[in-house]
Amino acid sequence: MMRGVDNSIGVDYSPESAQVRDMYLEQWTSHAPMGELKSIAKLAQRIGHVNRALTWKISLDEMPEELRAEYAIAVPSYLKDFINYSD
C-alpha cells in the first residue's frame, strides 16, 4: 500500500506516506490502539514485499518469453525491499 502512495507522489518512504498510513489506520482505532495498528501495518508492509515477489514470479512464469527480461527485475527488487525494510 505505502509503496503505491510513494510511487504516486514520486518519493520513497516519505513523511507524506506516513501521514496517509496514519489517516487510514485512524479509522481502525476502535478495534486497537494506534501504536498496535502501526506495528501491524509495519509487519503487513514487510510481508507484502514477499507477496509481491511471489506474484511477480507467477506472472513471469506465464509471461511471453519476449517480455520476461523487461519485468524480471521485479522479483529480486521486492525481495531486496523485504530484506532492507525498515521504518
PDB file of N, CA and C in Angstrom:
ATOM      1  N   MET A   1       0.814  -1.185   0.000  1.00  0.00           N
ATOM      2  CA  MET A   1       0.000   0.000   0.000  1.00  0.00           C
ATOM      3  C   MET A   1       0.862   1.256   0.000  1.00  0.00           C
ATOM      4  N   MET A   2       1.830   1.341   0.897  1.00  0.00           N
ATOM      5  CA  MET A   2       2.611   2.564   1.020  1.00  0.00           C
ATOM      6  C   MET A   2       3.530   2.774  -0.179  1.00  0.00           C
ATOM      7  N   ARG A   3       3.988   1.692  -0.788  1.00  0.00           N
ATOM      8  CA  ARG A   3       4.812   1.855  -1.983  1.00  0.00           C
ATOM      9  C   ARG A   3       4.003   2.528  -3.083  1.00  0.00           C
ATOM     10  N   GLY A   4       2.737   2.169  -3.183  1.00  0.00           N
ATOM     11  CA  GLY A   4       1.848   2.807  -4.163  1.00  0.00           C
ATOM     12  C   GLY A   4       1.667   4.283  -3.889  1.00  0.00           C
ATOM     13  N   VAL A   5       1.528   4.639  -2.615  1.00  0.00           N
ATOM     14  CA  VAL A   5       1.411   6.051  -2.241  1.00  0.00           C
ATOM     15  C   VAL A   5       2.687   6.784  -2.628  1.00  0.00           C
ATOM     16  N   ASP A   6       3.828   6.209  -2.250  1.00  0.00           N
ATOM     17  CA  ASP A   6       5.106   6.855  -2.569  1.00  0.00           C
ATOM     18  C   ASP A   6       5.326   6.965  -4.073  1.00  0.00           C
ATOM     19  N   ASN A   7       4.979   5.927  -4.811  1.00  0.00           N
ATOM     20  CA  ASN A   7       5.113   5.989  -6.268  1.00  0.00           C
ATOM     21  C   ASN A   7       4.231   7.085  -6.851  1.00  0.00           C
ATOM     22  N   SER A   8       3.050   7.267  -6.275  1.00  0.00           N
ATOM     23  CA  SER A   8       2.121   8.282  -6.776  1.00  0.00           C
ATOM     24  C   SER A   8       2.654   9.693  -6.587  1.00  0.00           C
ATOM     25  N   ILE A   9       3.392   9.909  -5.494  1.00  0.00           N
ATOM     26  CA  ILE A   9       3.918  11.259  -5.255  1.00  0.00           C
ATOM     27  C   ILE A   9       5.402  11.376  -5.622  1.00  0.00           C
ATOM     28  N   GLY A  10       5.977  10.281  -6.121  1.00  0.00           N
ATOM     29  CA  GLY A  10       7.335  10.323  -6.649  1.00  0.00           C
ATOM     30  C   GLY A  10       8.443  10.327  -5.618  1.00  0.00           C
ATOM     31  N   VAL A  11       8.242   9.679  -4.463  1.00  0.00           N
ATOM     32  CA  VAL A  11       9.275   9.617  -3.432  1.00  0.00           C
ATOM     33  C   VAL A  11       9.332   8.203  -2.863  1.00  0.00           C
ATOM     34  N   ASP A  12      10.312   7.939  -2.002  1.00  0.00           N
ATOM     35  CA  ASP A  12      10.421   6.660  -1.306  1.00  0.00           C
ATOM     36  C   ASP A  12      10.277   6.875   0.185  1.00  0.00           C
ATOM     37  N   TYR A  13       9.330   6.168   0.802  1.00  0.00           N
ATOM     38  CA  TYR A  13       9.122   6.188   2.246  1.00  0.00           C
ATOM     39  C   TYR A  13       9.120   7.617   2.800  1.00  0.00           C
ATOM     40  N   SER A  14       8.192   8.396   2.340  1.00  0.00           N
ATOM     41  CA  SER A  14       8.138   9.809   2.685  1.00  0.00           C
ATOM     42  C   SER A  14       7.311  10.070   3.943  1.00  0.00           C
ATOM     43  N   PRO A  15       7.504  11.237   4.553  1.00  0.00           N
ATOM     44  CA  PRO A  15       6.625  11.637   5.658  1.00  0.00           C
ATOM     45  C   PRO A  15       5.165  11.717   5.210  1.00  0.00           C
ATOM     46  N   GLU A  16       4.965  12.087   3.951  1.00  0.00           N
ATOM     47  CA  GLU A  16       3.604  12.168   3.428  1.00  0.00           C
ATOM     48  C   GLU A  16       2.931  10.799   3.417  1.00  0.00           C
ATOM     49  N   SER A  17       3.681   9.752   3.067  1.00  0.00           N
ATOM     50  CA  SER A  17       3.074   8.421   3.055  1.00  0.00           C
ATOM     51  C   SER A  17       2.769   7.963   4.481  1.00  0.00           C
ATOM     52  N   ALA A  18       3.573   8.370   5.444  1.00  0.00           N
ATOM     53  CA  ALA A  18       3.275   8.054   6.844  1.00  0.00           C
ATOM     54  C   ALA A  18       1.981   8.745   7.281  1.00  0.00           C
ATOM     55  N   GLN A  19       1.754   9.952   6.799  1.00  0.00           N
ATOM     56  CA  GLN A  19       0.509  10.657   7.119  1.00  0.00           C
ATOM     57  C   GLN A  19      -0.689   9.922   6.507  1.00  0.00           C
ATOM     58  N   VAL A  20      -0.543   9.442   5.279  1.00  0.00           N
ATOM     59  CA  VAL A  20      -1.620   8.681   4.636  1.00  0.00           C
ATOM     60  C   VAL A  20      -1.884   7.404   5.431  1.00  0.00           C
ATOM     61  N   ARG A  21      -0.817   6.715   5.818  1.00  0.00           N
ATOM     62  CA  ARG A  21      -0.960   5.497   6.640  1.00  0.00           C
ATOM     63  C   ARG A  21      -1.727   5.799   7.919  1.00  0.00           C
ATOM     64  N   ASP A  22      -1.337   6.855   8.608  1.00  0.00           N
ATOM     65  CA  ASP A  22      -1.971   7.196   9.871  1.00  0.00           C
ATOM     66  C   ASP A  22      -3.445   7.574   9.686  1.00  0.00           C
ATOM     67  N   MET A  23      -3.760   8.273   8.613  1.00  0.00           N
ATOM     68  CA  MET A  23      -5.156   8.616   8.343  1.00  0.00           C
ATOM     69  C   MET A  23      -5.969   7.345   8.098  1.00  0.00           C
ATOM     70  N   TYR A  24      -5.401   6.397   7.385  1.00  0.00           N
ATOM     71  CA  TYR A  24      -6.070   5.122   7.149  1.00  0.00           C
ATOM     72  C   TYR A  24      -6.255   4.368   8.460  1.00  0.00           C
ATOM     73  N   LEU A  25      -5.199   4.257   9.231  1.00  0.00           N
ATOM     74  CA  LEU A  25      -5.260   3.494  10.479  1.00  0.00           C
ATOM     75  C   LEU A  25      -6.194   4.126  11.510  1.00  0.00           C
ATOM     76  N   GLU A  26      -6.330   5.418  11.470  1.00  0.00           N
ATOM     77  CA  GLU A  26      -7.205   6.123  12.412  1.00  0.00           C
ATOM     78  C   GLU A  26      -8.629   5.548  12.372  1.00  0.00           C
ATOM     79  N   GLN A  27      -9.039   5.079  11.219  1.00  0.00           N
ATOM     80  CA  GLN A  27     -10.385   4.521  11.065  1.00  0.00           C
ATOM     81  C   GLN A  27     -10.559   3.196  11.830  1.00  0.00           C
ATOM     82  N   TRP A  28      -9.451   2.609  12.263  1.00  0.00           N
ATOM     83  CA  TRP A  28      -9.491   1.312  12.931  1.00  0.00           C
ATOM     84  C   TRP A  28      -9.215   1.395  14.428  1.00  0.00           C
ATOM     85  N   THR A  29      -9.090   2.596  14.969  1.00  0.00           N
ATOM     86  CA  THR A  29      -8.705   2.737  16.378  1.00  0.00           C
ATOM     87  C   THR A  29      -9.784   2.273  17.360  1.00  0.00           C
ATOM     88  N   SER A  30     -10.979   2.025  16.895  1.00  0.00           N
ATOM     89  CA  SER A  30     -11.986   1.453  17.796  1.00  0.00           C
ATOM     90  C   SER A  30     -11.720  -0.037  18.033  1.00  0.00           C
ATOM     91  N   HIS A  31     -10.842  -0.628  17.203  1.00  0.00           N
ATOM     92  CA  HIS A  31     -10.508  -2.049  17.323  1.00  0.00           C
ATOM     93  C   HIS A  31      -9.175  -2.293  18.029  1.00  0.00           C
ATOM     94  N   ALA A  32      -8.285  -1.324  17.950  1.00  0.00           N
ATOM     95  CA  ALA A  32      -6.960  -1.459  18.570  1.00  0.00           C
ATOM     96  C   ALA A  32      -6.341  -0.063  18.697  1.00  0.00           C
ATOM     97  N   PRO A  33      -5.436   0.114  19.657  1.00  0.00           N
ATOM     98  CA  PRO A  33      -4.752   1.410  19.793  1.00  0.00           C
ATOM     99  C   PRO A  33      -3.862   1.693  18.569  1.00  0.00           C
ATOM    100  N   MET A  34      -3.650   2.964  18.303  1.00  0.00           N
ATOM    101  CA  MET A  34      -2.865   3.379  17.128  1.00  0.00           C
ATOM    102  C   MET A  34      -1.486   2.739  17.119  1.00  0.00           C
ATOM    103  N   GLY A  35      -0.822   2.652  18.244  1.00  0.00           N
ATOM    104  CA  GLY A  35       0.515   2.048  18.287  1.00  0.00           C
ATOM    105  C   GLY A  35       0.496   0.602  17.825  1.00  0.00           C
ATOM    106  N   GLU A  36      -0.498  -0.142  18.252  1.00  0.00           N
ATOM    107  CA  GLU A  36      -0.625  -1.534  17.828  1.00  0.00           C
ATOM    108  C   GLU A  36      -0.938  -1.620  16.341  1.00  0.00           C
ATOM    109  N   LEU A  37      -1.810  -0.744  15.869  1.00  0.00           N
ATOM    110  CA  LEU A  37      -2.144  -0.729  14.441  1.00  0.00           C
ATOM    111  C   LEU A  37      -0.916  -0.408  13.589  1.00  0.00           C
ATOM    112  N   LYS A  38      -0.083   0.511  14.060  1.00  0.00           N
ATOM    113  CA  LYS A  38       1.144   0.836  13.320  1.00  0.00           C
ATOM    114  C   LYS A  38       2.082  -0.365  13.266  1.00  0.00           C
ATOM    115  N   SER A  39       2.181  -1.099  14.375  1.00  0.00           N
ATOM    116  CA  SER A  39       3.024  -2.308  14.385  1.00  0.00           C
ATOM    117  C   SER A  39       2.502  -3.352  13.410  1.00  0.00           C
ATOM    118  N   ILE A  40       1.195  -3.541  13.396  1.00  0.00           N
ATOM    119  CA  ILE A  40       0.585  -4.496  12.479  1.00  0.00           C
ATOM    120  C   ILE A  40       0.805  -4.061  11.033  1.00  0.00           C
ATOM    121  N   ALA A  41       0.616  -2.768  10.767  1.00  0.00           N
ATOM    122  CA  ALA A  41       0.809  -2.244   9.412  1.00  0.00           C
ATOM    123  C   ALA A  41       2.257  -2.420   8.962  1.00  0.00           C
ATOM    124  N   LYS A  42       3.195  -2.206   9.882  1.00  0.00           N
ATOM    125  CA  LYS A  42       4.612  -2.369   9.552  1.00  0.00           C
ATOM    126  C   LYS A  42       4.911  -3.812   9.160  1.00  0.00           C
ATOM    127  N   LEU A  43       4.401  -4.764   9.937  1.00  0.00           N
ATOM    128  CA  LEU A  43       4.593  -6.174   9.619  1.00  0.00           C
ATOM    129  C   LEU A  43       3.926  -6.525   8.289  1.00  0.00           C
ATOM    130  N   ALA A  44       2.707  -6.044   8.092  1.00  0.00           N
ATOM    131  CA  ALA A  44       1.989  -6.321   6.847  1.00  0.00           C
ATOM    132  C   ALA A  44       2.730  -5.750   5.643  1.00  0.00           C
ATOM    133  N   GLN A  45       3.296  -4.560   5.808  1.00  0.00           N
ATOM    134  CA  GLN A  45       4.037  -3.952   4.705  1.00  0.00           C
ATOM    135  C   GLN A  45       5.273  -4.783   4.371  1.00  0.00           C
ATOM    136  N   ARG A  46       5.959  -5.246   5.389  1.00  0.00           N
ATOM    137  CA  ARG A  46       7.165  -6.054   5.137  1.00  0.00           C
ATOM    138  C   ARG A  46       6.797  -7.370   4.474  1.00  0.00           C
ATOM    139  N   ILE A  47       5.796  -8.055   4.988  1.00  0.00           N
ATOM    140  CA  ILE A  47       5.357  -9.318   4.394  1.00  0.00           C
ATOM    141  C   ILE A  47       4.840  -9.090   2.973  1.00  0.00           C
ATOM    142  N   GLY A  48       4.248  -7.938   2.747  1.00  0.00           N
ATOM    143  CA  GLY A  48       3.741  -7.598   1.424  1.00  0.00           C
ATOM    144  C   GLY A  48       4.808  -7.646   0.348  1.00  0.00           C
ATOM    145  N   HIS A  49       6.058  -7.351   0.700  1.00  0.00           N
ATOM    146  CA  HIS A  49       7.147  -7.425  -0.275  1.00  0.00           C
ATOM    147  C   HIS A  49       7.323  -8.854  -0.783  1.00  0.00           C
ATOM    148  N   VAL A  50       7.203  -9.826   0.111  1.00  0.00           N
ATOM    149  CA  VAL A  50       7.316 -11.234  -0.295  1.00  0.00           C
ATOM    150  C   VAL A  50       6.136 -11.614  -1.171  1.00  0.00           C
ATOM    151  N   ASN A  51       4.953 -11.177  -0.787  1.00  0.00           N
ATOM    152  CA  ASN A  51       3.771 -11.443  -1.596  1.00  0.00           C
ATOM    153  C   ASN A  51       3.928 -10.899  -3.013  1.00  0.00           C
ATOM    154  N   ARG A  52       4.420  -9.675  -3.114  1.00  0.00           N
ATOM    155  CA  ARG A  52       4.604  -9.070  -4.441  1.00  0.00           C
ATOM    156  C   ARG A  52       5.657  -9.836  -5.245  1.00  0.00           C
ATOM    157  N   ALA A  53       6.733 -10.260  -4.602  1.00  0.00           N
ATOM    158  CA  ALA A  53       7.762 -11.046  -5.298  1.00  0.00           C
ATOM    159  C   ALA A  53       7.169 -12.348  -5.826  1.00  0.00           C
ATOM    160  N   LEU A  54       6.383 -13.029  -5.003  1.00  0.00           N
ATOM    161  CA  LEU A  54       5.769 -14.288  -5.446  1.00  0.00           C
ATOM    162  C   LEU A  54       4.756 -14.055  -6.565  1.00  0.00           C
ATOM    163  N   THR A  55       4.004 -12.984  -6.462  1.00  0.00           N
ATOM    164  CA  THR A  55       3.044 -12.656  -7.516  1.00  0.00           C
ATOM    165  C   THR A  55       3.753 -12.402  -8.837  1.00  0.00           C
ATOM    166  N   TRP A  56       4.854 -11.637  -8.787  1.00  0.00           N
ATOM    167  CA  TRP A  56       5.625 -11.385  -9.999  1.00  0.00           C
ATOM    168  C   TRP A  56       6.247 -12.672 -10.537  1.00  0.00           C
ATOM    169  N   LYS A  57       6.700 -13.555  -9.661  1.00  0.00           N
ATOM    170  CA  LYS A  57       7.278 -14.828 -10.099  1.00  0.00           C
ATOM    171  C   LYS A  57       6.244 -15.625 -10.883  1.00  0.00           C
ATOM    172  N   ILE A  58       5.043 -15.725 -10.351  1.00  0.00           N
ATOM    173  CA  ILE A  58       3.969 -16.435 -11.056  1.00  0.00           C
ATOM    174  C   ILE A  58       3.661 -15.753 -12.384  1.00  0.00           C
ATOM    175  N   SER A  59       3.590 -14.439 -12.370  1.00  0.00           N
ATOM    176  CA  SER A  59       3.319 -13.688 -13.602  1.00  0.00           C
ATOM    177  C   SER A  59       4.405 -13.910 -14.643  1.00  0.00           C
ATOM    178  N   LEU A  60       5.656 -13.881 -14.199  1.00  0.00           N
ATOM    179  CA  LEU A  60       6.773 -14.094 -15.128  1.00  0.00           C
ATOM    180  C   LEU A  60       6.731 -15.492 -15.739  1.00  0.00           C
ATOM    181  N   ASP A  61       6.352 -16.474 -14.942  1.00  0.00           N
ATOM    182  CA  ASP A  61       6.268 -17.847 -15.456  1.00  0.00           C
ATOM    183  C   ASP A  61       5.231 -17.974 -16.572  1.00  0.00           C
ATOM    184  N   GLU A  62       4.200 -17.149 -16.513  1.00  0.00           N
ATOM    185  CA  GLU A  62       3.126 -17.189 -17.507  1.00  0.00           C
ATOM    186  C   GLU A  62       3.315 -16.170 -18.636  1.00  0.00           C
ATOM    187  N   MET A  63       4.290 -15.320 -18.494  1.00  0.00           N
ATOM    188  CA  MET A  63       4.511 -14.227 -19.436  1.00  0.00           C
ATOM    189  C   MET A  63       5.210 -14.714 -20.696  1.00  0.00           C
ATOM    190  N   PRO A  64       4.875 -14.131 -21.846  1.00  0.00           N
ATOM    191  CA  PRO A  64       5.607 -14.479 -23.065  1.00  0.00           C
ATOM    192  C   PRO A  64       7.108 -14.202 -22.895  1.00  0.00           C
ATOM    193  N   GLU A  65       7.904 -15.071 -23.440  1.00  0.00           N
ATOM    194  CA  GLU A  65       9.367 -15.006 -23.298  1.00  0.00           C
ATOM    195  C   GLU A  65       9.923 -13.616 -23.632  1.00  0.00           C
ATOM    196  N   GLU A  66       9.380 -12.992 -24.660  1.00  0.00           N
ATOM    197  CA  GLU A  66       9.925 -11.697 -25.093  1.00  0.00           C
ATOM    198  C   GLU A  66       9.684 -10.574 -24.075  1.00  0.00           C
ATOM    199  N   LEU A  67       8.788 -10.768 -23.128  1.00  0.00           N
ATOM    200  CA  LEU A  67       8.533  -9.748 -22.113  1.00  0.00           C
ATOM    201  C   LEU A  67       9.239 -10.021 -20.788  1.00  0.00           C
ATOM    202  N   ARG A  68       9.662 -11.239 -20.567  1.00  0.00           N
ATOM    203  CA  ARG A  68      10.235 -11.616 -19.263  1.00  0.00           C
ATOM    204  C   ARG A  68      11.432 -10.762 -18.863  1.00  0.00           C
ATOM    205  N   ALA A  69      12.330 -10.519 -19.784  1.00  0.00           N
ATOM    206  CA  ALA A  69      13.540  -9.749 -19.449  1.00  0.00           C
ATOM    207  C   ALA A  69      13.191  -8.346 -18.965  1.00  0.00           C
ATOM    208  N   GLU A  70      12.147  -7.772 -19.527  1.00  0.00           N
ATOM    209  CA  GLU A  70      11.748  -6.418 -19.155  1.00  0.00           C
ATOM    210  C   GLU A  70      11.248  -6.339 -17.708  1.00  0.00           C
ATOM    211  N   TYR A  71      10.604  -7.393 -17.239  1.00  0.00           N
ATOM    212  CA  TYR A  71       9.993  -7.383 -15.909  1.00  0.00           C
ATOM    213  C   TYR A  71      10.698  -8.273 -14.891  1.00  0.00           C
ATOM    214  N   ALA A  72      11.731  -8.965 -15.285  1.00  0.00           N
ATOM    215  CA  ALA A  72      12.412  -9.922 -14.405  1.00  0.00           C
ATOM    216  C   ALA A  72      12.983  -9.267 -13.149  1.00  0.00           C
ATOM    217  N   ILE A  73      13.289  -8.003 -13.191  1.00  0.00           N
ATOM    218  CA  ILE A  73      13.875  -7.311 -12.043  1.00  0.00           C
ATOM    219  C   ILE A  73      12.886  -7.208 -10.879  1.00  0.00           C
ATOM    220  N   ALA A  74      11.596  -7.370 -11.146  1.00  0.00           N
ATOM    221  CA  ALA A  74      10.589  -7.195 -10.092  1.00  0.00           C
ATOM    222  C   ALA A  74      10.792  -8.166  -8.930  1.00  0.00           C
ATOM    223  N   VAL A  75      11.066  -9.430  -9.213  1.00  0.00           N
ATOM    224  CA  VAL A  75      11.195 -10.426  -8.139  1.00  0.00           C
ATOM    225  C   VAL A  75      12.356 -10.088  -7.218  1.00  0.00           C
ATOM    226  N   PRO A  76      13.570  -9.939  -7.719  1.00  0.00           N
ATOM    227  CA  PRO A  76      14.662  -9.601  -6.787  1.00  0.00           C
ATOM    228  C   PRO A  76      14.496  -8.217  -6.155  1.00  0.00           C
ATOM    229  N   SER A  77      13.844  -7.306  -6.848  1.00  0.00           N
ATOM    230  CA  SER A  77      13.634  -5.971  -6.291  1.00  0.00           C
ATOM    231  C   SER A  77      12.737  -6.022  -5.063  1.00  0.00           C
ATOM    232  N   TYR A  78      11.640  -6.760  -5.143  1.00  0.00           N
ATOM    233  CA  TYR A  78      10.757  -6.880  -3.983  1.00  0.00           C
ATOM    234  C   TYR A  78      11.411  -7.673  -2.858  1.00  0.00           C
ATOM    235  N   LEU A  79      12.197  -8.680  -3.187  1.00  0.00           N
ATOM    236  CA  LEU A  79      12.899  -9.425  -2.139  1.00  0.00           C
ATOM    237  C   LEU A  79      13.956  -8.548  -1.461  1.00  0.00           C
ATOM    238  N   LYS A  80      14.603  -7.708  -2.238  1.00  0.00           N
ATOM    239  CA  LYS A  80      15.565  -6.756  -1.669  1.00  0.00           C
ATOM    240  C   LYS A  80      14.833  -5.787  -0.734  1.00  0.00           C
ATOM    241  N   ASP A  81      13.649  -5.318  -1.157  1.00  0.00           N
ATOM    242  CA  ASP A  81      12.857  -4.445  -0.284  1.00  0.00           C
ATOM    243  C   ASP A  81      12.507  -5.152   1.022  1.00  0.00           C
ATOM    244  N   PHE A  82      12.184  -6.453   0.946  1.00  0.00           N
ATOM    245  CA  PHE A  82      11.870  -7.223   2.145  1.00  0.00           C
ATOM    246  C   PHE A  82      13.071  -7.278   3.083  1.00  0.00           C
ATOM    247  N   ILE A  83      14.240  -7.568   2.538  1.00  0.00           N
ATOM    248  CA  ILE A  83      15.450  -7.679   3.339  1.00  0.00           C
ATOM    249  C   ILE A  83      15.847  -6.333   3.949  1.00  0.00           C
ATOM    250  N   ASN A  84      15.730  -5.272   3.168  1.00  0.00           N
ATOM    251  CA  ASN A  84      16.188  -3.959   3.598  1.00  0.00           C
ATOM    252  C   ASN A  84      15.127  -3.132   4.307  1.00  0.00           C
ATOM    253  N   TYR A  85      13.934  -3.672   4.464  1.00  0.00           N
ATOM    254  CA  TYR A  85      12.826  -2.893   5.015  1.00  0.00           C
ATOM    255  C   TYR A  85      13.152  -2.382   6.414  1.00  0.00           C
ATOM    256  N   SER A  86      12.895  -1.111   6.620  1.00  0.00           N
ATOM    257  CA  SER A  86      12.997  -0.508   7.951  1.00  0.00           C
ATOM    258  C   SER A  86      11.994   0.623   8.017  1.00  0.00           C
ATOM    259  N   ASP A  87      11.613   0.966   9.215  1.00  0.00           N
ATOM    260  CA  ASP A  87      10.634   2.061   9.382  1.00  0.00           C
ATOM    261  C   ASP A  87      11.103   2.993  10.454  1.00  0.00           C
TER     262      ASP A  87
END
